[in-house]
C-alpha atoms as a PDB file:
ATOM      1  CA  UNK A   1      57.173  70.379  24.034  1.00  0.00           C
ATOM      2  CA  UNK A   2      54.298  71.377  25.653  1.00  0.00           C
ATOM      3  CA  UNK A   3      55.900  72.814  29.112  1.00  0.00           C
ATOM      4  CA  UNK A   4      57.879  75.149  26.796  1.00  0.00           C
ATOM      5  CA  UNK A   5      54.616  76.694  24.740  1.00  0.00           C
ATOM      6  CA  UNK A   6      53.229  77.066  28.171  1.00  0.00           C
ATOM      7  CA  UNK A   7      56.824  79.406  29.404  1.00  0.00           C
ATOM      8  CA  UNK A   8      56.427  81.038  26.017  1.00  0.00           C
ATOM      9  CA  UNK A   9      53.065  81.478  26.720  1.00  0.00           C
ATOM     10  CA  UNK A  10      53.244  83.425  30.230  1.00  0.00           C
ATOM     11  CA  UNK A  11      56.888  84.687  30.590  1.00  0.00           C
ATOM     12  CA  UNK A  12      55.830  87.970  28.488  1.00  0.00           C
ATOM     13  CA  UNK A  13      52.891  88.694  30.266  1.00  0.00           C
ATOM     14  CA  UNK A  14      54.189  87.926  33.455  1.00  0.00           C
ATOM     15  CA  UNK A  15      57.049  90.603  32.192  1.00  0.00           C
ATOM     16  CA  UNK A  16      54.211  93.172  31.630  1.00  0.00           C
ATOM     17  CA  UNK A  17      53.095  92.758  34.616  1.00  0.00           C
ATOM     18  CA  UNK A  18      56.060  93.643  36.498  1.00  0.00           C
ATOM     19  CA  UNK A  19      57.455  95.729  33.797  1.00  0.00           C
ATOM     20  CA  UNK A  20      54.244  97.736  34.573  1.00  0.00           C
ATOM     21  CA  UNK A  21      54.394  97.709  38.865  1.00  0.00           C
ATOM     22  CA  UNK A  22      58.149  99.061  37.753  1.00  0.00           C
ATOM     23  CA  UNK A  23      56.746 101.832  36.029  1.00  0.00           C
ATOM     24  CA  UNK A  24      54.205 102.952  37.995  1.00  0.00           C
ATOM     25  CA  UNK A  25      56.902 102.630  41.247  1.00  0.00           C
ATOM     26  CA  UNK A  26      58.263 106.325  39.412  1.00  0.00           C
ATOM     27  CA  UNK A  27      54.910 107.763  40.176  1.00  0.00           C
ATOM     28  CA  UNK A  28      55.640 108.200  43.979  1.00  0.00           C
ATOM     29  CA  UNK A  29      58.053 110.998  43.704  1.00  0.00           C
ATOM     30  CA  UNK A  30      54.600 112.978  43.553  1.00  0.00           C
ATOM     31  CA  UNK A  31      54.317 112.737  47.272  1.00  0.00           C
ATOM     32  CA  UNK A  32      55.101 115.746  48.674  1.00  0.00           C
ATOM     33  CA  UNK A  33      54.584 118.063  52.396  1.00  0.00           C
ATOM     34  CA  UNK A  34      52.033 120.659  52.009  1.00  0.00           C
ATOM     35  CA  UNK A  35      50.272 119.324  48.437  1.00  0.00           C
ATOM     36  CA  UNK A  36      45.982 119.037  48.496  1.00  0.00           C
ATOM     37  CA  UNK A  37      44.513 115.311  48.103  1.00  0.00           C
ATOM     38  CA  UNK A  38      43.397 116.600  44.525  1.00  0.00           C
ATOM     39  CA  UNK A  39      47.412 118.287  43.464  1.00  0.00           C
ATOM     40  CA  UNK A  40      48.426 114.259  44.633  1.00  0.00           C
ATOM     41  CA  UNK A  41      45.791 112.665  42.872  1.00  0.00           C
ATOM     42  CA  UNK A  42      46.712 115.043  39.242  1.00  0.00           C
ATOM     43  CA  UNK A  43      49.737 113.922  39.880  1.00  0.00           C
ATOM     44  CA  UNK A  44      49.684 110.270  40.284  1.00  0.00           C
ATOM     45  CA  UNK A  45      47.501 110.380  36.997  1.00  0.00           C
ATOM     46  CA  UNK A  46      49.676 112.380  34.981  1.00  0.00           C
ATOM     47  CA  UNK A  47      52.473 110.108  35.901  1.00  0.00           C
ATOM     48  CA  UNK A  48      50.875 106.713  35.424  1.00  0.00           C
ATOM     49  CA  UNK A  49      49.745 107.597  31.802  1.00  0.00           C
ATOM     50  CA  UNK A  50      52.439 105.403  30.482  1.00  0.00           C
ATOM     51  CA  UNK A  51      51.620 102.641  32.556  1.00  0.00           C
ATOM     52  CA  UNK A  52      47.913 103.101  32.071  1.00  0.00           C
ATOM     53  CA  UNK A  53      48.272 102.439  28.605  1.00  0.00           C
ATOM     54  CA  UNK A  54      51.145  99.984  28.804  1.00  0.00           C
ATOM     55  CA  UNK A  55      47.913  98.058  30.836  1.00  0.00           C
ATOM     56  CA  UNK A  56      45.886  98.355  27.465  1.00  0.00           C
ATOM     57  CA  UNK A  57      48.417  97.203  25.720  1.00  0.00           C
ATOM     58  CA  UNK A  58      48.943  94.176  27.818  1.00  0.00           C
ATOM     59  CA  UNK A  59      45.060  93.721  27.849  1.00  0.00           C
ATOM     60  CA  UNK A  60      44.891  93.500  23.792  1.00  0.00           C
ATOM     61  CA  UNK A  61      47.835  92.286  23.828  1.00  0.00           C
ATOM     62  CA  UNK A  62      47.259  88.996  26.279  1.00  0.00           C
ATOM     63  CA  UNK A  63      45.027  87.480  22.940  1.00  0.00           C
ATOM     64  CA  UNK A  64      46.619  88.722  20.090  1.00  0.00           C
ATOM     65  CA  UNK A  65      50.671  88.941  20.645  1.00  0.00           C
ATOM     66  CA  UNK A  66      51.373  90.527  17.556  1.00  0.00           C
ATOM     67  CA  UNK A  67      50.235  93.877  19.325  1.00  0.00           C
ATOM     68  CA  UNK A  68      52.319  93.512  22.235  1.00  0.00           C
ATOM     69  CA  UNK A  69      55.031  92.532  19.638  1.00  0.00           C
ATOM     70  CA  UNK A  70      54.694  95.695  17.834  1.00  0.00           C
ATOM     71  CA  UNK A  71      53.411  97.996  21.200  1.00  0.00           C
ATOM     72  CA  UNK A  72      56.436  97.031  23.274  1.00  0.00           C
ATOM     73  CA  UNK A  73      58.778  97.433  20.386  1.00  0.00           C
ATOM     74  CA  UNK A  74      57.605 100.784  19.400  1.00  0.00           C
ATOM     75  CA  UNK A  75      56.861 101.928  23.461  1.00  0.00           C
ATOM     76  CA  UNK A  76      60.683 101.619  23.347  1.00  0.00           C
ATOM     77  CA  UNK A  77      61.667 103.416  20.455  1.00  0.00           C
ATOM     78  CA  UNK A  78      59.794 106.052  21.932  1.00  0.00           C
ATOM     79  CA  UNK A  79      61.226 105.832  24.754  1.00  0.00           C
ATOM     80  CA  UNK A  80      64.459 106.284  23.533  1.00  0.00           C
ATOM     81  CA  UNK A  81      63.854 109.040  20.839  1.00  0.00           C
ATOM     82  CA  UNK A  82      62.667 111.085  24.303  1.00  0.00           C
ATOM     83  CA  UNK A  83      65.824 110.404  26.202  1.00  0.00           C
ATOM     84  CA  UNK A  84      68.093 110.972  22.908  1.00  0.00           C
ATOM     85  CA  UNK A  85      66.134 114.619  22.210  1.00  0.00           C
ATOM     86  CA  UNK A  86      66.464 115.404  26.058  1.00  0.00           C
ATOM     87  CA  UNK A  87      70.104 114.319  26.386  1.00  0.00           C
ATOM     88  CA  UNK A  88      71.019 116.131  23.345  1.00  0.00           C
ATOM     89  CA  UNK A  89      69.480 119.168  24.411  1.00  0.00           C
ATOM     90  CA  UNK A  90      70.560 119.284  27.852  1.00  0.00           C
ATOM     91  CA  UNK A  91      73.945 118.758  26.506  1.00  0.00           C
ATOM     92  CA  UNK A  92      74.435 115.994  29.156  1.00  0.00           C
ATOM     93  CA  UNK A  93      77.031 112.788  28.173  1.00  0.00           C
ATOM     94  CA  UNK A  94      75.544 110.526  25.611  1.00  0.00           C
ATOM     95  CA  UNK A  95      76.348 107.717  27.993  1.00  0.00           C
ATOM     96  CA  UNK A  96      73.427 108.772  29.933  1.00  0.00           C
ATOM     97  CA  UNK A  97      70.849 108.629  26.909  1.00  0.00           C
ATOM     98  CA  UNK A  98      72.484 104.541  26.655  1.00  0.00           C
ATOM     99  CA  UNK A  99      72.074 103.800  30.390  1.00  0.00           C
ATOM    100  CA  UNK A 100      68.807 105.643  30.863  1.00  0.00           C
ATOM    101  CA  UNK A 101      66.966 103.688  27.291  1.00  0.00           C
ATOM    102  CA  UNK A 102      68.412 100.542  29.029  1.00  0.00           C
ATOM    103  CA  UNK A 103      66.590 100.723  31.763  1.00  0.00           C
ATOM    104  CA  UNK A 104      63.576 101.494  30.617  1.00  0.00           C
ATOM    105  CA  UNK A 105      63.561 100.523  26.681  1.00  0.00           C
ATOM    106  CA  UNK A 106      65.523  97.344  27.164  1.00  0.00           C
ATOM    107  CA  UNK A 107      62.450  95.432  28.705  1.00  0.00           C
ATOM    108  CA  UNK A 108      60.257  96.650  26.312  1.00  0.00           C
ATOM    109  CA  UNK A 109      62.639  95.407  23.751  1.00  0.00           C
ATOM    110  CA  UNK A 110      62.829  91.979  25.659  1.00  0.00           C
ATOM    111  CA  UNK A 111      58.731  91.543  26.045  1.00  0.00           C
ATOM    112  CA  UNK A 112      58.414  92.675  22.483  1.00  0.00           C
ATOM    113  CA  UNK A 113      60.574  89.753  21.314  1.00  0.00           C
ATOM    114  CA  UNK A 114      58.461  87.100  23.387  1.00  0.00           C
ATOM    115  CA  UNK A 115      55.254  88.371  21.930  1.00  0.00           C
ATOM    116  CA  UNK A 116      56.714  88.312  18.807  1.00  0.00           C
ATOM    117  CA  UNK A 117      58.326  84.901  19.536  1.00  0.00           C
ATOM    118  CA  UNK A 118      54.950  83.466  20.890  1.00  0.00           C
ATOM    119  CA  UNK A 119      52.939  85.106  17.290  1.00  0.00           C
ATOM    120  CA  UNK A 120      55.104  83.130  15.485  1.00  0.00           C
ATOM    121  CA  UNK A 121      54.860  79.887  17.446  1.00  0.00           C
ATOM    122  CA  UNK A 122      51.044  80.348  17.303  1.00  0.00           C
ATOM    123  CA  UNK A 123      51.175  81.159  13.248  1.00  0.00           C
ATOM    124  CA  UNK A 124      52.878  77.728  12.919  1.00  0.00           C
ATOM    125  CA  UNK A 125      50.863  75.784  14.794  1.00  0.00           C
ATOM    126  CA  UNK A 126      47.500  76.558  12.810  1.00  0.00           C
END
């Protein structure tokens, strides 16, 4: 029983770190020839705003799991809303919204569920 508690404690935190690293990979498309160091730095900062927000969320959720649950669910819903809005306004096929959403929002929802389970387990022990 104790091993399950450790797994439930560490899984959302490790997945959050991996998820943030995955999001950060998208910022690498900033590098183009002929760009100055300032332009690259600004581009990296702009592309990494979601990762920065997720790092802050993880730091808070490390001790307060309910914040992680609500934050990751909210991030997933927000991303899905942006994707659906973009697909509807661009005339792209509807199934693109589903596949794009599953790529980013799916892991966020899973992490949110794990934080929620961890929070409920801790509440039950108190």
